């Protein structure tokens, strides 16, 4: 085990097989072994390189930088504004308090943003990214990813895979990217862009008035949730756009689409 003091320490376990490293006050460097380590920061702006192995890492009270390295790691941000690179492997990452930038790296990762306005990049692999509280930016990148914005006004970017995007609460912006994606704005007045591929835009009663920027008739479809049926819908032209509503509630506006092109074939009950 390596335990620091109140000075700026370098706690180096690179020559060990596995280690417990605990920092104290001071701006410390924590260097893990090739094995399965436990590394804990504390006060000060700390740098943590967990190295290879399946490691457990916890950032401290200030603004820390964490490199998970290879292996299936469990990484927790601290109270400060941390930068976390989880590295290769199937990692579990918690942003916690503060404004985090998290790069999940290679592997199938599960990432929780926490309380701040976080930026999360899923990297390669089939990832699950949850923004939680705050106005977050989630980028799935490659792989078939699942993105949840949750609270706040979030930006969700699916990118290269076939992704499922949930905006959650708030007025969110969702962009599916280059494959066939499913986009659900959920609560709030959301802006949805499917991108390339045949995309599905899901609507629900009471979820707010959404905008779809790039609906393509005969390619994309609209998913009806929560018991909605095509017979309940009123489809009308408003300027150059198609408006779909139930009674006085506008569910969605399809930009640059003629209402006469929209029929039951454009919908699916989901």
C-alpha atoms as a PDB file:
ATOM      1  CA  UNK A   1       0.000   0.000   0.000  1.00  0.00           C
ATOM      2  CA  UNK A   2       1.066   3.567  -0.700  1.00  0.00           C
ATOM      3  CA  UNK A   3      -0.334   6.427   1.380  1.00  0.00           C
ATOM      4  CA  UNK A   4       0.535  10.057   0.743  1.00  0.00           C
ATOM      5  CA  UNK A   5       0.872  13.003   3.097  1.00  0.00           C
ATOM      6  CA  UNK A   6      -0.093  16.673   2.853  1.00  0.00           C
ATOM      7  CA  UNK A   7       2.665  17.438   0.335  1.00  0.00           C
ATOM      8  CA  UNK A   8       2.617  16.925  -3.423  1.00  0.00           C
ATOM      9  CA  UNK A   9       3.481  13.228  -3.738  1.00  0.00           C
ATOM     10  CA  UNK A  10       4.160  10.788  -6.532  1.00  0.00           C
ATOM     11  CA  UNK A  11       2.751   7.448  -5.398  1.00  0.00           C
ATOM     12  CA  UNK A  12       4.208   4.975  -7.887  1.00  0.00           C
ATOM     13  CA  UNK A  13       3.136   1.325  -7.867  1.00  0.00           C
ATOM     14  CA  UNK A  14       4.205   0.514 -11.423  1.00  0.00           C
ATOM     15  CA  UNK A  15       6.706  -2.050 -10.135  1.00  0.00           C
ATOM     16  CA  UNK A  16       4.127  -3.885  -8.031  1.00  0.00           C
ATOM     17  CA  UNK A  17       1.653  -6.613  -8.988  1.00  0.00           C
ATOM     18  CA  UNK A  18      -1.322  -4.848  -7.431  1.00  0.00           C
ATOM     19  CA  UNK A  19      -1.712  -2.014  -4.969  1.00  0.00           C
ATOM     20  CA  UNK A  20      -3.835   0.214  -2.747  1.00  0.00           C
ATOM     21  CA  UNK A  21      -2.940   3.895  -3.231  1.00  0.00           C
ATOM     22  CA  UNK A  22      -4.431   6.642  -1.065  1.00  0.00           C
ATOM     23  CA  UNK A  23      -3.574  10.305  -1.599  1.00  0.00           C
ATOM     24  CA  UNK A  24      -4.002  13.031   1.016  1.00  0.00           C
ATOM     25  CA  UNK A  25      -3.707  16.820   0.578  1.00  0.00           C
ATOM     26  CA  UNK A  26      -1.468  18.197  -2.151  1.00  0.00           C
ATOM     27  CA  UNK A  27      -1.383  17.873  -5.929  1.00  0.00           C
ATOM     28  CA  UNK A  28      -0.470  14.211  -6.266  1.00  0.00           C
ATOM     29  CA  UNK A  29       0.410  11.724  -9.006  1.00  0.00           C
ATOM     30  CA  UNK A  30      -1.024   8.238  -8.484  1.00  0.00           C
ATOM     31  CA  UNK A  31       0.433   5.527 -10.724  1.00  0.00           C
ATOM     32  CA  UNK A  32      -1.135   2.087 -10.613  1.00  0.00           C
ATOM     33  CA  UNK A  33       0.459  -1.302 -11.107  1.00  0.00           C
ATOM     34  CA  UNK A  34      -0.174  -3.754 -13.982  1.00  0.00           C
ATOM     35  CA  UNK A  35      -2.613  -5.570 -11.675  1.00  0.00           C
ATOM     36  CA  UNK A  36      -5.987  -4.798 -10.138  1.00  0.00           C
ATOM     37  CA  UNK A  37      -5.514  -1.624  -8.116  1.00  0.00           C
ATOM     38  CA  UNK A  38      -7.530   0.643  -5.851  1.00  0.00           C
ATOM     39  CA  UNK A  39      -6.606   4.302  -6.210  1.00  0.00           C
ATOM     40  CA  UNK A  40      -8.191   7.084  -4.146  1.00  0.00           C
ATOM     41  CA  UNK A  41      -7.515  10.789  -4.575  1.00  0.00           C
ATOM     42  CA  UNK A  42      -8.281  13.338  -1.878  1.00  0.00           C
ATOM     43  CA  UNK A  43      -7.627  17.078  -1.672  1.00  0.00           C
ATOM     44  CA  UNK A  44      -5.596  18.797  -4.346  1.00  0.00           C
ATOM     45  CA  UNK A  45      -5.511  18.561  -8.111  1.00  0.00           C
ATOM     46  CA  UNK A  46      -4.490  14.977  -8.634  1.00  0.00           C
ATOM     47  CA  UNK A  47      -3.433  12.953 -11.667  1.00  0.00           C
ATOM     48  CA  UNK A  48      -4.343   9.264 -11.616  1.00  0.00           C
ATOM     49  CA  UNK A  49      -3.066   6.689 -14.102  1.00  0.00           C
ATOM     50  CA  UNK A  50      -4.524   3.339 -13.094  1.00  0.00           C
ATOM     51  CA  UNK A  51      -2.542   1.365 -15.662  1.00  0.00           C
ATOM     52  CA  UNK A  52      -3.594  -2.081 -16.826  1.00  0.00           C
ATOM     53  CA  UNK A  53      -5.811  -4.372 -14.791  1.00  0.00           C
ATOM     54  CA  UNK A  54      -9.363  -4.121 -13.479  1.00  0.00           C
ATOM     55  CA  UNK A  55      -9.038  -1.068 -11.279  1.00  0.00           C
ATOM     56  CA  UNK A  56     -11.211   0.907  -8.865  1.00  0.00           C
ATOM     57  CA  UNK A  57     -10.572   4.647  -9.014  1.00  0.00           C
ATOM     58  CA  UNK A  58     -12.115   7.500  -7.058  1.00  0.00           C
ATOM     59  CA  UNK A  59     -11.314  11.142  -7.756  1.00  0.00           C
ATOM     60  CA  UNK A  60     -11.136  13.614  -4.884  1.00  0.00           C
ATOM     61  CA  UNK A  61     -12.396  17.025  -3.844  1.00  0.00           C
ATOM     62  CA  UNK A  62     -10.683  19.168  -6.488  1.00  0.00           C
ATOM     63  CA  UNK A  63     -10.262  19.088 -10.268  1.00  0.00           C
ATOM     64  CA  UNK A  64      -8.638  15.753 -11.076  1.00  0.00           C
ATOM     65  CA  UNK A  65      -7.515  13.925 -14.223  1.00  0.00           C
ATOM     66  CA  UNK A  66      -8.038  10.167 -14.458  1.00  0.00           C
ATOM     67  CA  UNK A  67      -6.691   7.619 -16.958  1.00  0.00           C
ATOM     68  CA  UNK A  68      -8.289   4.218 -16.483  1.00  0.00           C
ATOM     69  CA  UNK A  69      -6.011   2.357 -18.885  1.00  0.00           C
ATOM     70  CA  UNK A  70      -6.657  -1.182 -20.095  1.00  0.00           C
ATOM     71  CA  UNK A  71      -9.013  -3.406 -18.147  1.00  0.00           C
ATOM     72  CA  UNK A  72     -12.582  -3.312 -16.863  1.00  0.00           C
ATOM     73  CA  UNK A  73     -12.451  -0.378 -14.475  1.00  0.00           C
ATOM     74  CA  UNK A  74     -14.857   1.266 -12.029  1.00  0.00           C
ATOM     75  CA  UNK A  75     -14.192   5.005 -11.973  1.00  0.00           C
ATOM     76  CA  UNK A  76     -15.927   7.638  -9.851  1.00  0.00           C
ATOM     77  CA  UNK A  77     -15.478  11.361 -10.306  1.00  0.00           C
ATOM     78  CA  UNK A  78     -15.231  13.519  -7.220  1.00  0.00           C
ATOM     79  CA  UNK A  79     -16.501  16.911  -6.098  1.00  0.00           C
ATOM     80  CA  UNK A  80     -14.490  18.912  -8.624  1.00  0.00           C
ATOM     81  CA  UNK A  81     -14.551  19.335 -12.387  1.00  0.00           C
ATOM     82  CA  UNK A  82     -12.800  16.164 -13.477  1.00  0.00           C
ATOM     83  CA  UNK A  83     -11.500  14.810 -16.783  1.00  0.00           C
ATOM     84  CA  UNK A  84     -11.858  11.051 -17.078  1.00  0.00           C
ATOM     85  CA  UNK A  85     -10.526   8.802 -19.832  1.00  0.00           C
ATOM     86  CA  UNK A  86     -11.704   5.296 -18.987  1.00  0.00           C
ATOM     87  CA  UNK A  87      -9.456   3.607 -21.561  1.00  0.00           C
ATOM     88  CA  UNK A  88      -9.901   0.151 -23.077  1.00  0.00           C
ATOM     89  CA  UNK A  89     -12.219  -2.396 -21.502  1.00  0.00           C
ATOM     90  CA  UNK A  90     -15.838  -2.560 -20.376  1.00  0.00           C
ATOM     91  CA  UNK A  91     -15.878   0.238 -17.842  1.00  0.00           C
ATOM     92  CA  UNK A  92     -18.350   1.612 -15.299  1.00  0.00           C
ATOM     93  CA  UNK A  93     -18.003   5.374 -14.810  1.00  0.00           C
ATOM     94  CA  UNK A  94     -19.789   7.740 -12.408  1.00  0.00           C
ATOM     95  CA  UNK A  95     -19.344  11.459 -12.994  1.00  0.00           C
ATOM     96  CA  UNK A  96     -20.850  12.491  -9.627  1.00  0.00           C
ATOM     97  CA  UNK A  97     -20.715  16.185  -8.621  1.00  0.00           C
ATOM     98  CA  UNK A  98     -19.009  18.824 -10.727  1.00  0.00           C
ATOM     99  CA  UNK A  99     -18.702  19.335 -14.458  1.00  0.00           C
ATOM    100  CA  UNK A 100     -17.112  16.265 -15.994  1.00  0.00           C
ATOM    101  CA  UNK A 101     -15.620  15.421 -19.355  1.00  0.00           C
ATOM    102  CA  UNK A 102     -15.717  11.650 -19.763  1.00  0.00           C
ATOM    103  CA  UNK A 103     -14.263   9.636 -22.636  1.00  0.00           C
ATOM    104  CA  UNK A 104     -15.350   6.024 -22.189  1.00  0.00           C
ATOM    105  CA  UNK A 105     -12.839   4.704 -24.746  1.00  0.00           C
ATOM    106  CA  UNK A 106     -12.886   1.216 -26.248  1.00  0.00           C
ATOM    107  CA  UNK A 107     -15.315  -1.380 -24.928  1.00  0.00           C
ATOM    108  CA  UNK A 108     -18.974  -1.630 -23.958  1.00  0.00           C
ATOM    109  CA  UNK A 109     -19.233   0.985 -21.238  1.00  0.00           C
ATOM    110  CA  UNK A 110     -21.859   2.231 -18.780  1.00  0.00           C
ATOM    111  CA  UNK A 111     -21.489   5.918 -17.912  1.00  0.00           C
ATOM    112  CA  UNK A 112     -23.484   8.097 -15.475  1.00  0.00           C
ATOM    113  CA  UNK A 113     -22.888  11.818 -15.856  1.00  0.00           C
ATOM    114  CA  UNK A 114     -23.984  12.989 -12.424  1.00  0.00           C
ATOM    115  CA  UNK A 115     -25.063  16.433 -11.259  1.00  0.00           C
ATOM    116  CA  UNK A 116     -23.154  18.873 -13.465  1.00  0.00           C
ATOM    117  CA  UNK A 117     -23.206  19.896 -17.116  1.00  0.00           C
ATOM    118  CA  UNK A 118     -21.232  16.966 -18.455  1.00  0.00           C
ATOM    119  CA  UNK A 119     -19.663  16.021 -21.768  1.00  0.00           C
ATOM    120  CA  UNK A 120     -19.626  12.261 -22.379  1.00  0.00           C
ATOM    121  CA  UNK A 121     -18.089  10.475 -25.368  1.00  0.00           C
ATOM    122  CA  UNK A 122     -18.919   6.774 -25.594  1.00  0.00           C
ATOM    123  CA  UNK A 123     -16.049   5.935 -27.938  1.00  0.00           C
ATOM    124  CA  UNK A 124     -15.906   2.533 -29.624  1.00  0.00           C
ATOM    125  CA  UNK A 125     -18.260  -0.213 -28.482  1.00  0.00           C
ATOM    126  CA  UNK A 126     -21.945  -0.512 -27.593  1.00  0.00           C
ATOM    127  CA  UNK A 127     -22.298   1.981 -24.763  1.00  0.00           C
ATOM    128  CA  UNK A 128     -25.000   3.187 -22.373  1.00  0.00           C
ATOM    129  CA  UNK A 129     -24.650   6.889 -21.544  1.00  0.00           C
ATOM    130  CA  UNK A 130     -26.871   8.601 -18.958  1.00  0.00           C
ATOM    131  CA  UNK A 131     -26.622  12.345 -18.561  1.00  0.00           C
ATOM    132  CA  UNK A 132     -28.641  12.540 -15.340  1.00  0.00           C
ATOM    133  CA  UNK A 133     -28.907  16.115 -13.965  1.00  0.00           C
ATOM    134  CA  UNK A 134     -27.539  19.150 -15.790  1.00  0.00           C
ATOM    135  CA  UNK A 135     -27.369  20.257 -19.415  1.00  0.00           C
ATOM    136  CA  UNK A 136     -25.297  17.454 -20.875  1.00  0.00           C
ATOM    137  CA  UNK A 137     -23.761  16.599 -24.235  1.00  0.00           C
ATOM    138  CA  UNK A 138     -23.737  12.854 -24.963  1.00  0.00           C
ATOM    139  CA  UNK A 139     -21.920  11.503 -28.017  1.00  0.00           C
ATOM    140  CA  UNK A 140     -22.293   7.793 -28.689  1.00  0.00           C
ATOM    141  CA  UNK A 141     -19.650   7.719 -31.445  1.00  0.00           C
ATOM    142  CA  UNK A 142     -19.183   4.223 -32.931  1.00  0.00           C
ATOM    143  CA  UNK A 143     -21.189   1.174 -31.895  1.00  0.00           C
ATOM    144  CA  UNK A 144     -24.902   0.754 -31.232  1.00  0.00           C
ATOM    145  CA  UNK A 145     -25.420   3.038 -28.273  1.00  0.00           C
ATOM    146  CA  UNK A 146     -28.183   3.887 -25.810  1.00  0.00           C
ATOM    147  CA  UNK A 147     -28.257   7.548 -24.757  1.00  0.00           C
ATOM    148  CA  UNK A 148     -30.468   9.032 -22.010  1.00  0.00           C
ATOM    149  CA  UNK A 149     -30.331  12.776 -21.463  1.00  0.00           C
ATOM    150  CA  UNK A 150     -32.600  12.684 -18.377  1.00  0.00           C
ATOM    151  CA  UNK A 151     -32.918  16.096 -16.650  1.00  0.00           C
ATOM    152  CA  UNK A 152     -31.763  19.328 -18.270  1.00  0.00           C
ATOM    153  CA  UNK A 153     -31.577  20.670 -21.815  1.00  0.00           C
ATOM    154  CA  UNK A 154     -29.330  18.064 -23.391  1.00  0.00           C
ATOM    155  CA  UNK A 155     -27.608  17.447 -26.724  1.00  0.00           C
ATOM    156  CA  UNK A 156     -27.539  13.794 -27.831  1.00  0.00           C
ATOM    157  CA  UNK A 157     -25.465  12.678 -30.828  1.00  0.00           C
ATOM    158  CA  UNK A 158     -25.723   9.058 -31.904  1.00  0.00           C
ATOM    159  CA  UNK A 159     -23.096   9.219 -34.662  1.00  0.00           C
ATOM    160  CA  UNK A 160     -21.909   5.997 -36.347  1.00  0.00           C
ATOM    161  CA  UNK A 161     -24.100   3.142 -35.036  1.00  0.00           C
ATOM    162  CA  UNK A 162     -27.790   2.255 -34.874  1.00  0.00           C
ATOM    163  CA  UNK A 163     -28.642   4.119 -31.703  1.00  0.00           C
ATOM    164  CA  UNK A 164     -31.546   4.705 -29.323  1.00  0.00           C
ATOM    165  CA  UNK A 165     -31.751   8.286 -28.060  1.00  0.00           C
ATOM    166  CA  UNK A 166     -33.996   9.400 -25.166  1.00  0.00           C
ATOM    167  CA  UNK A 167     -34.059  13.102 -24.413  1.00  0.00           C
ATOM    168  CA  UNK A 168     -35.756  12.856 -21.015  1.00  0.00           C
ATOM    169  CA  UNK A 169     -36.939  16.046 -19.323  1.00  0.00           C
ATOM    170  CA  UNK A 170     -36.028  19.433 -20.750  1.00  0.00           C
ATOM    171  CA  UNK A 171     -35.847  20.880 -24.244  1.00  0.00           C
ATOM    172  CA  UNK A 172     -33.354  18.600 -25.920  1.00  0.00           C
ATOM    173  CA  UNK A 173     -31.604  18.292 -29.272  1.00  0.00           C
ATOM    174  CA  UNK A 174     -31.232  14.758 -30.679  1.00  0.00           C
ATOM    175  CA  UNK A 175     -29.246  13.786 -33.778  1.00  0.00           C
ATOM    176  CA  UNK A 176     -29.149  10.124 -34.773  1.00  0.00           C
ATOM    177  CA  UNK A 177     -26.172  10.275 -37.126  1.00  0.00           C
ATOM    178  CA  UNK A 178     -25.284   7.865 -39.906  1.00  0.00           C
ATOM    179  CA  UNK A 179     -27.395   4.723 -39.371  1.00  0.00           C
ATOM    180  CA  UNK A 180     -31.029   3.806 -38.657  1.00  0.00           C
ATOM    181  CA  UNK A 181     -31.828   5.236 -35.237  1.00  0.00           C
ATOM    182  CA  UNK A 182     -34.745   5.609 -32.816  1.00  0.00           C
ATOM    183  CA  UNK A 183     -35.240   9.091 -31.373  1.00  0.00           C
ATOM    184  CA  UNK A 184     -37.545   9.861 -28.443  1.00  0.00           C
ATOM    185  CA  UNK A 185     -37.635  13.428 -27.253  1.00  0.00           C
ATOM    186  CA  UNK A 186     -39.710  12.487 -24.183  1.00  0.00           C
ATOM    187  CA  UNK A 187     -40.799  15.472 -22.067  1.00  0.00           C
ATOM    188  CA  UNK A 188     -40.129  18.991 -23.320  1.00  0.00           C
ATOM    189  CA  UNK A 189     -40.101  20.703 -26.705  1.00  0.00           C
ATOM    190  CA  UNK A 190     -37.363  18.811 -28.499  1.00  0.00           C
ATOM    191  CA  UNK A 191     -35.601  19.057 -31.853  1.00  0.00           C
ATOM    192  CA  UNK A 192     -34.998  15.717 -33.586  1.00  0.00           C
ATOM    193  CA  UNK A 193     -32.756  15.027 -36.579  1.00  0.00           C
ATOM    194  CA  UNK A 194     -32.446  11.458 -37.777  1.00  0.00           C
ATOM    195  CA  UNK A 195     -29.505  11.897 -40.112  1.00  0.00           C
ATOM    196  CA  UNK A 196     -28.702   9.118 -42.559  1.00  0.00           C
ATOM    197  CA  UNK A 197     -30.678   5.857 -42.662  1.00  0.00           C
ATOM    198  CA  UNK A 198     -34.313   5.018 -42.011  1.00  0.00           C
ATOM    199  CA  UNK A 199     -35.086   6.526 -38.618  1.00  0.00           C
ATOM    200  CA  UNK A 200     -38.030   6.328 -36.223  1.00  0.00           C
ATOM    201  CA  UNK A 201     -39.284   9.361 -34.331  1.00  0.00           C
ATOM    202  CA  UNK A 202     -41.422   8.384 -31.319  1.00  0.00           C
ATOM    203  CA  UNK A 203     -44.233  10.608 -30.031  1.00  0.00           C
ATOM    204  CA  UNK A 204     -46.332  10.484 -26.877  1.00  0.00           C
ATOM    205  CA  UNK A 205     -49.306  12.413 -25.561  1.00  0.00           C
ATOM    206  CA  UNK A 206     -48.264  15.127 -23.123  1.00  0.00           C
ATOM    207  CA  UNK A 207     -44.585  14.913 -24.071  1.00  0.00           C
ATOM    208  CA  UNK A 208     -44.339  18.417 -25.546  1.00  0.00           C
ATOM    209  CA  UNK A 209     -44.247  19.804 -29.081  1.00  0.00           C
ATOM    210  CA  UNK A 210     -41.303  18.425 -31.013  1.00  0.00           C
ATOM    211  CA  UNK A 211     -39.704  19.419 -34.305  1.00  0.00           C
ATOM    212  CA  UNK A 212     -38.334  16.880 -36.787  1.00  0.00           C
ATOM    213  CA  UNK A 213     -35.895  18.602 -39.111  1.00  0.00           C
ATOM    214  CA  UNK A 214     -35.277  15.922 -41.743  1.00  0.00           C
ATOM    215  CA  UNK A 215     -38.245  13.543 -42.001  1.00  0.00           C
ATOM    216  CA  UNK A 216     -38.079  11.623 -45.287  1.00  0.00           C
ATOM    217  CA  UNK A 217     -41.372  10.213 -46.520  1.00  0.00           C
ATOM    218  CA  UNK A 218     -41.116   6.518 -47.384  1.00  0.00           C
ATOM    219  CA  UNK A 219     -37.840   6.146 -45.472  1.00  0.00           C
ATOM    220  CA  UNK A 220     -38.479   7.356 -41.915  1.00  0.00           C
ATOM    221  CA  UNK A 221     -41.460   6.508 -39.718  1.00  0.00           C
ATOM    222  CA  UNK A 222     -43.239   8.047 -36.748  1.00  0.00           C
ATOM    223  CA  UNK A 223     -43.702   5.820 -33.707  1.00  0.00           C
ATOM    224  CA  UNK A 224     -46.927   6.229 -31.732  1.00  0.00           C
ATOM    225  CA  UNK A 225     -46.476   5.580 -28.000  1.00  0.00           C
ATOM    226  CA  UNK A 226     -48.735   5.470 -24.960  1.00  0.00           C
ATOM    227  CA  UNK A 227     -51.815   4.169 -26.780  1.00  0.00           C
ATOM    228  CA  UNK A 228     -51.807   6.725 -29.583  1.00  0.00           C
ATOM    229  CA  UNK A 229     -53.415   5.630 -32.855  1.00  0.00           C
ATOM    230  CA  UNK A 230     -53.389   7.081 -36.336  1.00  0.00           C
ATOM    231  CA  UNK A 231     -57.160   7.680 -36.165  1.00  0.00           C
ATOM    232  CA  UNK A 232     -56.670  10.171 -33.316  1.00  0.00           C
ATOM    233  CA  UNK A 233     -54.325  12.395 -35.294  1.00  0.00           C
ATOM    234  CA  UNK A 234     -55.031  15.597 -37.167  1.00  0.00           C
ATOM    235  CA  UNK A 235     -52.509  16.216 -39.943  1.00  0.00           C
ATOM    236  CA  UNK A 236     -52.427  19.704 -41.434  1.00  0.00           C
ATOM    237  CA  UNK A 237     -50.274  22.080 -43.428  1.00  0.00           C
ATOM    238  CA  UNK A 238     -48.765  25.076 -41.633  1.00  0.00           C
ATOM    239  CA  UNK A 239     -46.675  27.127 -44.008  1.00  0.00           C
ATOM    240  CA  UNK A 240     -44.069  24.838 -45.533  1.00  0.00           C
ATOM    241  CA  UNK A 241     -44.324  22.300 -42.721  1.00  0.00           C
ATOM    242  CA  UNK A 242     -46.615  19.471 -41.636  1.00  0.00           C
ATOM    243  CA  UNK A 243     -48.176  19.722 -38.201  1.00  0.00           C
ATOM    244  CA  UNK A 244     -49.472  16.623 -36.380  1.00  0.00           C
ATOM    245  CA  UNK A 245     -51.692  17.139 -33.358  1.00  0.00           C
ATOM    246  CA  UNK A 246     -54.395  15.688 -31.138  1.00  0.00           C
ATOM    247  CA  UNK A 247     -57.039  18.329 -30.472  1.00  0.00           C
ATOM    248  CA  UNK A 248     -55.166  21.474 -29.473  1.00  0.00           C
ATOM    249  CA  UNK A 249     -51.965  19.638 -28.550  1.00  0.00           C
ATOM    250  CA  UNK A 250     -49.274  19.812 -31.223  1.00  0.00           C
ATOM    251  CA  UNK A 251     -47.247  16.601 -31.069  1.00  0.00           C
ATOM    252  CA  UNK A 252     -44.747  17.346 -33.808  1.00  0.00           C
ATOM    253  CA  UNK A 253     -43.922  19.573 -36.745  1.00  0.00           C
ATOM    254  CA  UNK A 254     -42.227  17.977 -39.755  1.00  0.00           C
ATOM    255  CA  UNK A 255     -40.144  20.647 -41.426  1.00  0.00           C
ATOM    256  CA  UNK A 256     -40.340  21.079 -45.213  1.00  0.00           C
ATOM    257  CA  UNK A 257     -42.876  18.260 -45.637  1.00  0.00           C
ATOM    258  CA  UNK A 258     -46.200  18.535 -47.479  1.00  0.00           C
ATOM    259  CA  UNK A 259     -49.090  17.237 -45.387  1.00  0.00           C
ATOM    260  CA  UNK A 260     -50.606  15.430 -48.378  1.00  0.00           C
ATOM    261  CA  UNK A 261     -47.573  13.087 -48.385  1.00  0.00           C
ATOM    262  CA  UNK A 262     -48.235  11.868 -44.829  1.00  0.00           C
ATOM    263  CA  UNK A 263     -50.565   8.879 -44.396  1.00  0.00           C
ATOM    264  CA  UNK A 264     -50.979   5.774 -42.241  1.00  0.00           C
ATOM    265  CA  UNK A 265     -47.961   4.126 -43.908  1.00  0.00           C
ATOM    266  CA  UNK A 266     -45.719   6.684 -42.209  1.00  0.00           C
ATOM    267  CA  UNK A 267     -46.720   5.521 -38.706  1.00  0.00           C
ATOM    268  CA  UNK A 268     -46.158   2.508 -36.459  1.00  0.00           C
ATOM    269  CA  UNK A 269     -47.531   1.710 -33.009  1.00  0.00           C
ATOM    270  CA  UNK A 270     -44.567   1.131 -30.663  1.00  0.00           C
END
